Amino acid sequence: MSFPLWLQAGFWGGLSGSALIIGAVVGYYFKLPQRAIATVMAFGGGVLISALSLELMEAAYHRGGIIAISIGFVGGAATYTLANLLLSHKGAKHRKRSASSELQESQKN
């Protein structure tokens, strides 16, 4: 038996969107360790960036070729890394911490 395309799309969209609801319920009712939250956030961010990069890299490959996208990709990564190092050396090394402000203040001393 074949289901209509709109019903299939609705099912898969609902299934993928349910992760947001499940995550909100778990976050509201359970106290999760900071390490678990950081792990999930890092994984989710990496997946989103990977998906976007892959889509953009394919389009760029067809327009500019492998040399252009390689230079752009490595140049962008190097620029980000250097900016991150510069910010860390200028006193912003704790800018990504999610601990309480009291803990952050004690680490500065």
PDB file of N, CA and C in Angstrom:
ATOM      1  N   MET A   1       0.842  -1.188   0.000  1.00  0.00           N
ATOM      2  CA  MET A   1       0.000   0.000   0.000  1.00  0.00           C
ATOM      3  C   MET A   1       0.887   1.251   0.000  1.00  0.00           C
ATOM      4  N   SER A   2       0.601   2.180  -0.871  1.00  0.00           N
ATOM      5  CA  SER A   2       1.394   3.395  -1.002  1.00  0.00           C
ATOM      6  C   SER A   2       0.642   4.578  -0.383  1.00  0.00           C
ATOM      7  N   PHE A   3       1.337   5.316   0.448  1.00  0.00           N
ATOM      8  CA  PHE A   3       0.751   6.502   1.075  1.00  0.00           C
ATOM      9  C   PHE A   3       0.977   7.712   0.184  1.00  0.00           C
ATOM     10  N   PRO A   4       0.071   8.682   0.220  1.00  0.00           N
ATOM     11  CA  PRO A   4       0.269   9.900  -0.577  1.00  0.00           C
ATOM     12  C   PRO A   4       1.548  10.625  -0.150  1.00  0.00           C
ATOM     13  N   LEU A   5       2.135  11.327  -1.089  1.00  0.00           N
ATOM     14  CA  LEU A   5       3.390  12.014  -0.828  1.00  0.00           C
ATOM     15  C   LEU A   5       3.258  13.053   0.281  1.00  0.00           C
ATOM     16  N   TRP A   6       2.141  13.767   0.325  1.00  0.00           N
ATOM     17  CA  TRP A   6       1.969  14.785   1.369  1.00  0.00           C
ATOM     18  C   TRP A   6       1.904  14.141   2.751  1.00  0.00           C
ATOM     19  N   LEU A   7       1.349  12.931   2.854  1.00  0.00           N
ATOM     20  CA  LEU A   7       1.269  12.241   4.135  1.00  0.00           C
ATOM     21  C   LEU A   7       2.652  11.746   4.563  1.00  0.00           C
ATOM     22  N   GLN A   8       3.429  11.256   3.617  1.00  0.00           N
ATOM     23  CA  GLN A   8       4.803  10.842   3.911  1.00  0.00           C
ATOM     24  C   GLN A   8       5.636  12.035   4.387  1.00  0.00           C
ATOM     25  N   ALA A   9       5.508  13.162   3.689  1.00  0.00           N
ATOM     26  CA  ALA A   9       6.252  14.365   4.071  1.00  0.00           C
ATOM     27  C   ALA A   9       5.841  14.837   5.461  1.00  0.00           C
ATOM     28  N   GLY A  10       4.558  14.811   5.735  1.00  0.00           N
ATOM     29  CA  GLY A  10       4.073  15.202   7.065  1.00  0.00           C
ATOM     30  C   GLY A  10       4.588  14.288   8.157  1.00  0.00           C
ATOM     31  N   PHE A  11       4.610  12.989   7.886  1.00  0.00           N
ATOM     32  CA  PHE A  11       5.109  12.033   8.870  1.00  0.00           C
ATOM     33  C   PHE A  11       6.580  12.275   9.177  1.00  0.00           C
ATOM     34  N   TRP A  12       7.407  12.354   8.125  1.00  0.00           N
ATOM     35  CA  TRP A  12       8.848  12.530   8.345  1.00  0.00           C
ATOM     36  C   TRP A  12       9.167  13.899   8.945  1.00  0.00           C
ATOM     37  N   GLY A  13       8.431  14.925   8.539  1.00  0.00           N
ATOM     38  CA  GLY A  13       8.622  16.248   9.150  1.00  0.00           C
ATOM     39  C   GLY A  13       8.243  16.243  10.624  1.00  0.00           C
ATOM     40  N   GLY A  14       7.137  15.583  10.943  1.00  0.00           N
ATOM     41  CA  GLY A  14       6.712  15.475  12.342  1.00  0.00           C
ATOM     42  C   GLY A  14       7.682  14.664  13.172  1.00  0.00           C
ATOM     43  N   LEU A  15       8.195  13.585  12.591  1.00  0.00           N
ATOM     44  CA  LEU A  15       9.161  12.753  13.309  1.00  0.00           C
ATOM     45  C   LEU A  15      10.441  13.529  13.607  1.00  0.00           C
ATOM     46  N   SER A  16      10.956  14.237  12.600  1.00  0.00           N
ATOM     47  CA  SER A  16      12.187  14.997  12.836  1.00  0.00           C
ATOM     48  C   SER A  16      11.947  16.177  13.770  1.00  0.00           C
ATOM     49  N   GLY A  17      10.789  16.805  13.691  1.00  0.00           N
ATOM     50  CA  GLY A  17      10.476  17.919  14.590  1.00  0.00           C
ATOM     51  C   GLY A  17      10.188  17.488  16.016  1.00  0.00           C
ATOM     52  N   SER A  18       9.834  16.226  16.202  1.00  0.00           N
ATOM     53  CA  SER A  18       9.526  15.746  17.554  1.00  0.00           C
ATOM     54  C   SER A  18      10.761  15.743  18.449  1.00  0.00           C
ATOM     55  N   ALA A  19      11.948  15.700  17.860  1.00  0.00           N
ATOM     56  CA  ALA A  19      13.170  15.745  18.663  1.00  0.00           C
ATOM     57  C   ALA A  19      13.238  17.045  19.458  1.00  0.00           C
ATOM     58  N   LEU A  20      12.773  18.129  18.886  1.00  0.00           N
ATOM     59  CA  LEU A  20      12.763  19.411  19.594  1.00  0.00           C
ATOM     60  C   LEU A  20      11.851  19.353  20.816  1.00  0.00           C
ATOM     61  N   ILE A  21      10.674  18.783  20.636  1.00  0.00           N
ATOM     62  CA  ILE A  21       9.718  18.672  21.750  1.00  0.00           C
ATOM     63  C   ILE A  21      10.262  17.739  22.825  1.00  0.00           C
ATOM     64  N   ILE A  22      10.806  16.600  22.418  1.00  0.00           N
ATOM     65  CA  ILE A  22      11.357  15.651  23.390  1.00  0.00           C
ATOM     66  C   ILE A  22      12.507  16.292  24.165  1.00  0.00           C
ATOM     67  N   GLY A  23      13.380  16.999  23.474  1.00  0.00           N
ATOM     68  CA  GLY A  23      14.493  17.682  24.137  1.00  0.00           C
ATOM     69  C   GLY A  23      14.019  18.744  25.113  1.00  0.00           C
ATOM     70  N   ALA A  24      12.979  19.479  24.747  1.00  0.00           N
ATOM     71  CA  ALA A  24      12.442  20.506  25.643  1.00  0.00           C
ATOM     72  C   ALA A  24      11.839  19.869  26.899  1.00  0.00           C
ATOM     73  N   VAL A  25      11.132  18.761  26.749  1.00  0.00           N
ATOM     74  CA  VAL A  25      10.534  18.077  27.897  1.00  0.00           C
ATOM     75  C   VAL A  25      11.618  17.527  28.824  1.00  0.00           C
ATOM     76  N   VAL A  26      12.637  16.902  28.245  1.00  0.00           N
ATOM     77  CA  VAL A  26      13.735  16.366  29.058  1.00  0.00           C
ATOM     78  C   VAL A  26      14.457  17.501  29.789  1.00  0.00           C
ATOM     79  N   GLY A  27      14.743  18.598  29.086  1.00  0.00           N
ATOM     80  CA  GLY A  27      15.423  19.732  29.707  1.00  0.00           C
ATOM     81  C   GLY A  27      14.606  20.405  30.795  1.00  0.00           C
ATOM     82  N   TYR A  28      13.305  20.388  30.670  1.00  0.00           N
ATOM     83  CA  TYR A  28      12.437  21.036  31.660  1.00  0.00           C
ATOM     84  C   TYR A  28      12.279  20.194  32.921  1.00  0.00           C
ATOM     85  N   TYR A  29      12.160  18.892  32.755  1.00  0.00           N
ATOM     86  CA  TYR A  29      11.842  18.031  33.896  1.00  0.00           C
ATOM     87  C   TYR A  29      13.048  17.364  34.549  1.00  0.00           C
ATOM     88  N   PHE A  30      14.183  17.346  33.911  1.00  0.00           N
ATOM     89  CA  PHE A  30      15.350  16.658  34.455  1.00  0.00           C
ATOM     90  C   PHE A  30      16.525  17.605  34.558  1.00  0.00           C
ATOM     91  N   LYS A  31      17.309  17.450  35.627  1.00  0.00           N
ATOM     92  CA  LYS A  31      18.541  18.220  35.803  1.00  0.00           C
ATOM     93  C   LYS A  31      19.665  17.454  35.123  1.00  0.00           C
ATOM     94  N   LEU A  32      20.158  17.982  34.022  1.00  0.00           N
ATOM     95  CA  LEU A  32      21.206  17.316  33.262  1.00  0.00           C
ATOM     96  C   LEU A  32      22.571  17.900  33.612  1.00  0.00           C
ATOM     97  N   PRO A  33      23.597  17.053  33.639  1.00  0.00           N
ATOM     98  CA  PRO A  33      24.940  17.577  33.903  1.00  0.00           C
ATOM     99  C   PRO A  33      25.409  18.498  32.768  1.00  0.00           C
ATOM    100  N   GLN A  34      26.211  19.482  33.109  1.00  0.00           N
ATOM    101  CA  GLN A  34      26.719  20.432  32.115  1.00  0.00           C
ATOM    102  C   GLN A  34      27.475  19.725  30.994  1.00  0.00           C
ATOM    103  N   ARG A  35      28.188  18.660  31.340  1.00  0.00           N
ATOM    104  CA  ARG A  35      28.956  17.922  30.329  1.00  0.00           C
ATOM    105  C   ARG A  35      28.034  17.283  29.291  1.00  0.00           C
ATOM    106  N   ALA A  36      26.904  16.743  29.738  1.00  0.00           N
ATOM    107  CA  ALA A  36      25.948  16.132  28.804  1.00  0.00           C
ATOM    108  C   ALA A  36      25.343  17.196  27.889  1.00  0.00           C
ATOM    109  N   ILE A  37      24.997  18.331  28.451  1.00  0.00           N
ATOM    110  CA  ILE A  37      24.431  19.423  27.657  1.00  0.00           C
ATOM    111  C   ILE A  37      25.453  19.906  26.629  1.00  0.00           C
ATOM    112  N   ALA A  38      26.693  20.081  27.065  1.00  0.00           N
ATOM    113  CA  ALA A  38      27.745  20.534  26.153  1.00  0.00           C
ATOM    114  C   ALA A  38      27.979  19.525  25.032  1.00  0.00           C
ATOM    115  N   THR A  39      27.929  18.236  25.365  1.00  0.00           N
ATOM    116  CA  THR A  39      28.146  17.201  24.356  1.00  0.00           C
ATOM    117  C   THR A  39      27.053  17.227  23.301  1.00  0.00           C
ATOM    118  N   VAL A  40      25.814  17.316  23.740  1.00  0.00           N
ATOM    119  CA  VAL A  40      24.685  17.343  22.806  1.00  0.00           C
ATOM    120  C   VAL A  40      24.729  18.606  21.948  1.00  0.00           C
ATOM    121  N   MET A  41      25.019  19.744  22.561  1.00  0.00           N
ATOM    122  CA  MET A  41      25.084  21.000  21.809  1.00  0.00           C
ATOM    123  C   MET A  41      26.230  20.984  20.791  1.00  0.00           C
ATOM    124  N   ALA A  42      27.379  20.453  21.186  1.00  0.00           N
ATOM    125  CA  ALA A  42      28.514  20.379  20.261  1.00  0.00           C
ATOM    126  C   ALA A  42      28.201  19.453  19.086  1.00  0.00           C
ATOM    127  N   PHE A  43      27.587  18.325  19.369  1.00  0.00           N
ATOM    128  CA  PHE A  43      27.226  17.396  18.302  1.00  0.00           C
ATOM    129  C   PHE A  43      26.217  18.027  17.347  1.00  0.00           C
ATOM    130  N   GLY A  44      25.176  18.642  17.906  1.00  0.00           N
ATOM    131  CA  GLY A  44      24.149  19.279  17.069  1.00  0.00           C
ATOM    132  C   GLY A  44      24.716  20.408  16.228  1.00  0.00           C
ATOM    133  N   GLY A  45      25.563  21.223  16.822  1.00  0.00           N
ATOM    134  CA  GLY A  45      26.189  22.304  16.073  1.00  0.00           C
ATOM    135  C   GLY A  45      27.078  21.782  14.964  1.00  0.00           C
ATOM    136  N   GLY A  46      27.827  20.727  15.258  1.00  0.00           N
ATOM    137  CA  GLY A  46      28.688  20.128  14.243  1.00  0.00           C
ATOM    138  C   GLY A  46      27.903  19.543  13.080  1.00  0.00           C
ATOM    139  N   VAL A  47      26.781  18.902  13.395  1.00  0.00           N
ATOM    140  CA  VAL A  47      25.942  18.326  12.339  1.00  0.00           C
ATOM    141  C   VAL A  47      25.379  19.430  11.444  1.00  0.00           C
ATOM    142  N   LEU A  48      24.899  20.513  12.048  1.00  0.00           N
ATOM    143  CA  LEU A  48      24.346  21.612  11.256  1.00  0.00           C
ATOM    144  C   LEU A  48      25.404  22.266  10.375  1.00  0.00           C
ATOM    145  N   ILE A  49      26.565  22.511  10.934  1.00  0.00           N
ATOM    146  CA  ILE A  49      27.642  23.127  10.157  1.00  0.00           C
ATOM    147  C   ILE A  49      28.096  22.194   9.039  1.00  0.00           C
ATOM    148  N   SER A  50      28.191  20.899   9.336  1.00  0.00           N
ATOM    149  CA  SER A  50      28.591  19.938   8.307  1.00  0.00           C
ATOM    150  C   SER A  50      27.594  19.890   7.158  1.00  0.00           C
ATOM    151  N   ALA A  51      26.318  19.861   7.490  1.00  0.00           N
ATOM    152  CA  ALA A  51      25.293  19.804   6.447  1.00  0.00           C
ATOM    153  C   ALA A  51      25.332  21.060   5.577  1.00  0.00           C
ATOM    154  N   LEU A  52      25.461  22.209   6.212  1.00  0.00           N
ATOM    155  CA  LEU A  52      25.530  23.462   5.467  1.00  0.00           C
ATOM    156  C   LEU A  52      26.784  23.522   4.612  1.00  0.00           C
ATOM    157  N   SER A  53      27.910  23.148   5.190  1.00  0.00           N
ATOM    158  CA  SER A  53      29.174  23.182   4.450  1.00  0.00           C
ATOM    159  C   SER A  53      29.141  22.257   3.252  1.00  0.00           C
ATOM    160  N   LEU A  54      28.596  21.063   3.444  1.00  0.00           N
ATOM    161  CA  LEU A  54      28.543  20.112   2.347  1.00  0.00           C
ATOM    162  C   LEU A  54      27.700  20.650   1.193  1.00  0.00           C
ATOM    163  N   GLU A  55      26.561  21.238   1.528  1.00  0.00           N
ATOM    164  CA  GLU A  55      25.699  21.793   0.488  1.00  0.00           C
ATOM    165  C   GLU A  55      26.372  22.966  -0.228  1.00  0.00           C
ATOM    166  N   LEU A  56      27.001  23.845   0.533  1.00  0.00           N
ATOM    167  CA  LEU A  56      27.672  24.993  -0.070  1.00  0.00           C
ATOM    168  C   LEU A  56      28.910  24.582  -0.863  1.00  0.00           C
ATOM    169  N   MET A  57      29.637  23.585  -0.366  1.00  0.00           N
ATOM    170  CA  MET A  57      30.847  23.137  -1.059  1.00  0.00           C
ATOM    171  C   MET A  57      30.500  22.522  -2.411  1.00  0.00           C
ATOM    172  N   GLU A  58      29.410  21.795  -2.482  1.00  0.00           N
ATOM    173  CA  GLU A  58      29.019  21.194  -3.757  1.00  0.00           C
ATOM    174  C   GLU A  58      28.701  22.269  -4.799  1.00  0.00           C
ATOM    175  N   ALA A  59      27.935  23.271  -4.387  1.00  0.00           N
ATOM    176  CA  ALA A  59      27.600  24.353  -5.313  1.00  0.00           C
ATOM    177  C   ALA A  59      28.854  25.126  -5.731  1.00  0.00           C
ATOM    178  N   ALA A  60      29.752  25.370  -4.759  1.00  0.00           N
ATOM    179  CA  ALA A  60      30.982  26.100  -5.075  1.00  0.00           C
ATOM    180  C   ALA A  60      31.887  25.291  -6.000  1.00  0.00           C
ATOM    181  N   TYR A  61      31.913  23.986  -5.828  1.00  0.00           N
ATOM    182  CA  TYR A  61      32.728  23.134  -6.690  1.00  0.00           C
ATOM    183  C   TYR A  61      32.278  23.238  -8.139  1.00  0.00           C
ATOM    184  N   HIS A  62      30.989  23.241  -8.359  1.00  0.00           N
ATOM    185  CA  HIS A  62      30.477  23.329  -9.727  1.00  0.00           C
ATOM    186  C   HIS A  62      30.728  24.707 -10.344  1.00  0.00           C
ATOM    187  N   ARG A  63      30.825  25.729  -9.526  1.00  0.00           N
ATOM    188  CA  ARG A  63      31.055  27.084 -10.050  1.00  0.00           C
ATOM    189  C   ARG A  63      32.527  27.440 -10.165  1.00  0.00           C
ATOM    190  N   GLY A  64      33.338  27.054  -9.158  1.00  0.00           N
ATOM    191  CA  GLY A  64      34.718  27.535  -9.145  1.00  0.00           C
ATOM    192  C   GLY A  64      35.790  26.477  -9.242  1.00  0.00           C
ATOM    193  N   GLY A  65      35.470  25.224  -9.009  1.00  0.00           N
ATOM    194  CA  GLY A  65      36.472  24.165  -9.080  1.00  0.00           C
ATOM    195  C   GLY A  65      37.108  23.872  -7.736  1.00  0.00           C
ATOM    196  N   ILE A  66      37.898  22.825  -7.728  1.00  0.00           N
ATOM    197  CA  ILE A  66      38.479  22.321  -6.483  1.00  0.00           C
ATOM    198  C   ILE A  66      39.522  23.272  -5.887  1.00  0.00           C
ATOM    199  N   ILE A  67      40.282  23.946  -6.725  1.00  0.00           N
ATOM    200  CA  ILE A  67      41.326  24.853  -6.213  1.00  0.00           C
ATOM    201  C   ILE A  67      40.687  26.016  -5.456  1.00  0.00           C
ATOM    202  N   ALA A  68      39.681  26.629  -6.033  1.00  0.00           N
ATOM    203  CA  ALA A  68      39.036  27.779  -5.399  1.00  0.00           C
ATOM    204  C   ALA A  68      38.375  27.397  -4.077  1.00  0.00           C
ATOM    205  N   ILE A  69      37.669  26.274  -4.045  1.00  0.00           N
ATOM    206  CA  ILE A  69      37.007  25.921  -2.787  1.00  0.00           C
ATOM    207  C   ILE A  69      38.006  25.454  -1.745  1.00  0.00           C
ATOM    208  N   SER A  70      39.107  24.855  -2.171  1.00  0.00           N
ATOM    209  CA  SER A  70      40.133  24.442  -1.205  1.00  0.00           C
ATOM    210  C   SER A  70      40.770  25.658  -0.547  1.00  0.00           C
ATOM    211  N   ILE A  71      41.088  26.657  -1.354  1.00  0.00           N
ATOM    212  CA  ILE A  71      41.677  27.891  -0.812  1.00  0.00           C
ATOM    213  C   ILE A  71      40.680  28.581   0.119  1.00  0.00           C
ATOM    214  N   GLY A  72      39.439  28.668  -0.295  1.00  0.00           N
ATOM    215  CA  GLY A  72      38.425  29.305   0.539  1.00  0.00           C
ATOM    216  C   GLY A  72      38.168  28.552   1.835  1.00  0.00           C
ATOM    217  N   PHE A  73      38.093  27.233   1.757  1.00  0.00           N
ATOM    218  CA  PHE A  73      37.826  26.418   2.932  1.00  0.00           C
ATOM    219  C   PHE A  73      38.968  26.506   3.945  1.00  0.00           C
ATOM    220  N   VAL A  74      40.197  26.311   3.479  1.00  0.00           N
ATOM    221  CA  VAL A  74      41.360  26.361   4.369  1.00  0.00           C
ATOM    222  C   VAL A  74      41.579  27.791   4.871  1.00  0.00           C
ATOM    223  N   GLY A  75      41.376  28.773   4.007  1.00  0.00           N
ATOM    224  CA  GLY A  75      41.520  30.173   4.438  1.00  0.00           C
ATOM    225  C   GLY A  75      40.507  30.557   5.496  1.00  0.00           C
ATOM    226  N   GLY A  76      39.274  30.123   5.333  1.00  0.00           N
ATOM    227  CA  GLY A  76      38.242  30.400   6.337  1.00  0.00           C
ATOM    228  C   GLY A  76      38.540  29.729   7.661  1.00  0.00           C
ATOM    229  N   ALA A  77      38.992  28.479   7.619  1.00  0.00           N
ATOM    230  CA  ALA A  77      39.336  27.763   8.849  1.00  0.00           C
ATOM    231  C   ALA A  77      40.519  28.429   9.554  1.00  0.00           C
ATOM    232  N   ALA A  78      41.514  28.839   8.781  1.00  0.00           N
ATOM    233  CA  ALA A  78      42.684  29.496   9.365  1.00  0.00           C
ATOM    234  C   ALA A  78      42.309  30.843   9.977  1.00  0.00           C
ATOM    235  N   THR A  79      41.477  31.604   9.290  1.00  0.00           N
ATOM    236  CA  THR A  79      41.032  32.902   9.820  1.00  0.00           C
ATOM    237  C   THR A  79      40.266  32.731  11.121  1.00  0.00           C
ATOM    238  N   TYR A  80      39.360  31.766  11.166  1.00  0.00           N
ATOM    239  CA  TYR A  80      38.595  31.502  12.388  1.00  0.00           C
ATOM    240  C   TYR A  80      39.527  31.098  13.527  1.00  0.00           C
ATOM    241  N   THR A  81      40.466  30.193  13.247  1.00  0.00           N
ATOM    242  CA  THR A  81      41.379  29.714  14.288  1.00  0.00           C
ATOM    243  C   THR A  81      42.251  30.848  14.813  1.00  0.00           C
ATOM    244  N   LEU A  82      42.777  31.671  13.927  1.00  0.00           N
ATOM    245  CA  LEU A  82      43.613  32.796  14.361  1.00  0.00           C
ATOM    246  C   LEU A  82      42.818  33.813  15.173  1.00  0.00           C
ATOM    247  N   ALA A  83      41.590  34.093  14.754  1.00  0.00           N
ATOM    248  CA  ALA A  83      40.753  35.030  15.516  1.00  0.00           C
ATOM    249  C   ALA A  83      40.430  34.465  16.896  1.00  0.00           C
ATOM    250  N   ASN A  84      40.182  33.170  16.980  1.00  0.00           N
ATOM    251  CA  ASN A  84      39.903  32.532  18.252  1.00  0.00           C
ATOM    252  C   ASN A  84      41.115  32.606  19.181  1.00  0.00           C
ATOM    253  N   LEU A  85      42.310  32.343  18.640  1.00  0.00           N
ATOM    254  CA  LEU A  85      43.537  32.444  19.436  1.00  0.00           C
ATOM    255  C   LEU A  85      43.790  33.877  19.896  1.00  0.00           C
ATOM    256  N   LEU A  86      43.579  34.831  19.010  1.00  0.00           N
ATOM    257  CA  LEU A  86      43.778  36.232  19.356  1.00  0.00           C
ATOM    258  C   LEU A  86      42.838  36.656  20.487  1.00  0.00           C
ATOM    259  N   LEU A  87      41.574  36.277  20.378  1.00  0.00           N
ATOM    260  CA  LEU A  87      40.618  36.608  21.438  1.00  0.00           C
ATOM    261  C   LEU A  87      41.003  35.960  22.758  1.00  0.00           C
ATOM    262  N   SER A  88      41.460  34.723  22.716  1.00  0.00           N
ATOM    263  CA  SER A  88      41.870  34.032  23.945  1.00  0.00           C
ATOM    264  C   SER A  88      43.054  34.727  24.600  1.00  0.00           C
ATOM    265  N   HIS A  89      44.013  35.197  23.807  1.00  0.00           N
ATOM    266  CA  HIS A  89      45.182  35.876  24.361  1.00  0.00           C
ATOM    267  C   HIS A  89      44.863  37.277  24.857  1.00  0.00           C
ATOM    268  N   LYS A  90      43.781  37.861  24.362  1.00  0.00           N
ATOM    269  CA  LYS A  90      43.385  39.204  24.787  1.00  0.00           C
ATOM    270  C   LYS A  90      42.468  39.177  26.008  1.00  0.00           C
ATOM    271  N   GLY A  91      42.277  38.003  26.612  1.00  0.00           N
ATOM    272  CA  GLY A  91      41.505  37.926  27.847  1.00  0.00           C
ATOM    273  C   GLY A  91      40.119  37.341  27.715  1.00  0.00           C
ATOM    274  N   ALA A  92      39.785  36.781  26.585  1.00  0.00           N
ATOM    275  CA  ALA A  92      38.432  36.256  26.397  1.00  0.00           C
ATOM    276  C   ALA A  92      38.414  34.729  26.404  1.00  0.00           C
ATOM    277  N   LYS A  93      39.363  34.101  27.112  1.00  0.00           N
ATOM    278  CA  LYS A  93      39.434  32.646  27.049  1.00  0.00           C
ATOM    279  C   LYS A  93      38.284  31.959  27.777  1.00  0.00           C
ATOM    280  N   HIS A  94      37.593  32.643  28.673  1.00  0.00           N
ATOM    281  CA  HIS A  94      36.462  32.038  29.390  1.00  0.00           C
ATOM    282  C   HIS A  94      35.120  32.469  28.805  1.00  0.00           C
ATOM    283  N   ARG A  95      35.100  33.023  27.615  1.00  0.00           N
ATOM    284  CA  ARG A  95      33.874  33.557  27.036  1.00  0.00           C
ATOM    285  C   ARG A  95      32.852  32.491  26.686  1.00  0.00           C
ATOM    286  N   LYS A  96      33.262  31.252  26.570  1.00  0.00           N
ATOM    287  CA  LYS A  96      32.344  30.190  26.180  1.00  0.00           C
ATOM    288  C   LYS A  96      31.876  29.345  27.361  1.00  0.00           C
ATOM    289  N   ARG A  97      32.248  29.681  28.547  1.00  0.00           N
ATOM    290  CA  ARG A  97      31.883  28.892  29.720  1.00  0.00           C
ATOM    291  C   ARG A  97      30.393  29.038  30.009  1.00  0.00           C
ATOM    292  N   SER A  98      29.782  27.949  30.443  1.00  0.00           N
ATOM    293  CA  SER A  98      28.366  27.999  30.789  1.00  0.00           C
ATOM    294  C   SER A  98      28.151  27.852  32.287  1.00  0.00           C
ATOM    295  N   ALA A  99      29.219  27.893  33.065  1.00  0.00           N
ATOM    296  CA  ALA A  99      29.109  27.774  34.516  1.00  0.00           C
ATOM    297  C   ALA A  99      28.551  29.070  35.100  1.00  0.00           C
ATOM    298  N   SER A 100      28.224  29.026  36.363  1.00  0.00           N
ATOM    299  CA  SER A 100      27.659  30.217  37.006  1.00  0.00           C
ATOM    300  C   SER A 100      28.699  31.327  37.066  1.00  0.00           C
ATOM    301  N   SER A 101      28.240  32.544  37.256  1.00  0.00           N
ATOM    302  CA  SER A 101      29.156  33.689  37.274  1.00  0.00           C
ATOM    303  C   SER A 101      30.083  33.635  38.469  1.00  0.00           C
ATOM    304  N   GLU A 102      29.657  33.024  39.596  1.00  0.00           N
ATOM    305  CA  GLU A 102      30.544  32.895  40.762  1.00  0.00           C
ATOM    306  C   GLU A 102      31.729  32.011  40.440  1.00  0.00           C
ATOM    307  N   LEU A 103      31.490  30.927  39.714  1.00  0.00           N
ATOM    308  CA  LEU A 103      32.574  30.036  39.326  1.00  0.00           C
ATOM    309  C   LEU A 103      33.515  30.743  38.367  1.00  0.00           C
ATOM    310  N   GLN A 104      32.980  31.511  37.454  1.00  0.00           N
ATOM    311  CA  GLN A 104      33.811  32.239  36.512  1.00  0.00           C
ATOM    312  C   GLN A 104      34.675  33.276  37.227  1.00  0.00           C
ATOM    313  N   GLU A 105      34.117  33.958  38.210  1.00  0.00           N
ATOM    314  CA  GLU A 105      34.867  34.954  38.952  1.00  0.00           C
ATOM    315  C   GLU A 105      36.007  34.309  39.736  1.00  0.00           C
ATOM    316  N   SER A 106      35.755  33.123  40.313  1.00  0.00           N
ATOM    317  CA  SER A 106      36.814  32.452  41.081  1.00  0.00           C
ATOM    318  C   SER A 106      37.927  31.959  40.163  1.00  0.00           C
ATOM    319  N   GLN A 107      37.615  31.650  38.918  1.00  0.00           N
ATOM    320  CA  GLN A 107      38.650  31.179  37.993  1.00  0.00           C
ATOM    321  C   GLN A 107      39.518  32.319  37.499  1.00  0.00           C
ATOM    322  N   LYS A 108      39.029  33.542  37.530  1.00  0.00           N
ATOM    323  CA  LYS A 108      39.820  34.682  37.072  1.00  0.00           C
ATOM    324  C   LYS A 108      40.960  34.982  38.035  1.00  0.00           C
ATOM    325  N   ASN A 109      40.766  34.690  39.310  1.00  0.00           N
ATOM    326  CA  ASN A 109      41.761  35.022  40.327  1.00  0.00           C
ATOM    327  C   ASN A 109      42.838  34.008  40.452  1.00  0.00           C
TER     328      ASN A 109
END
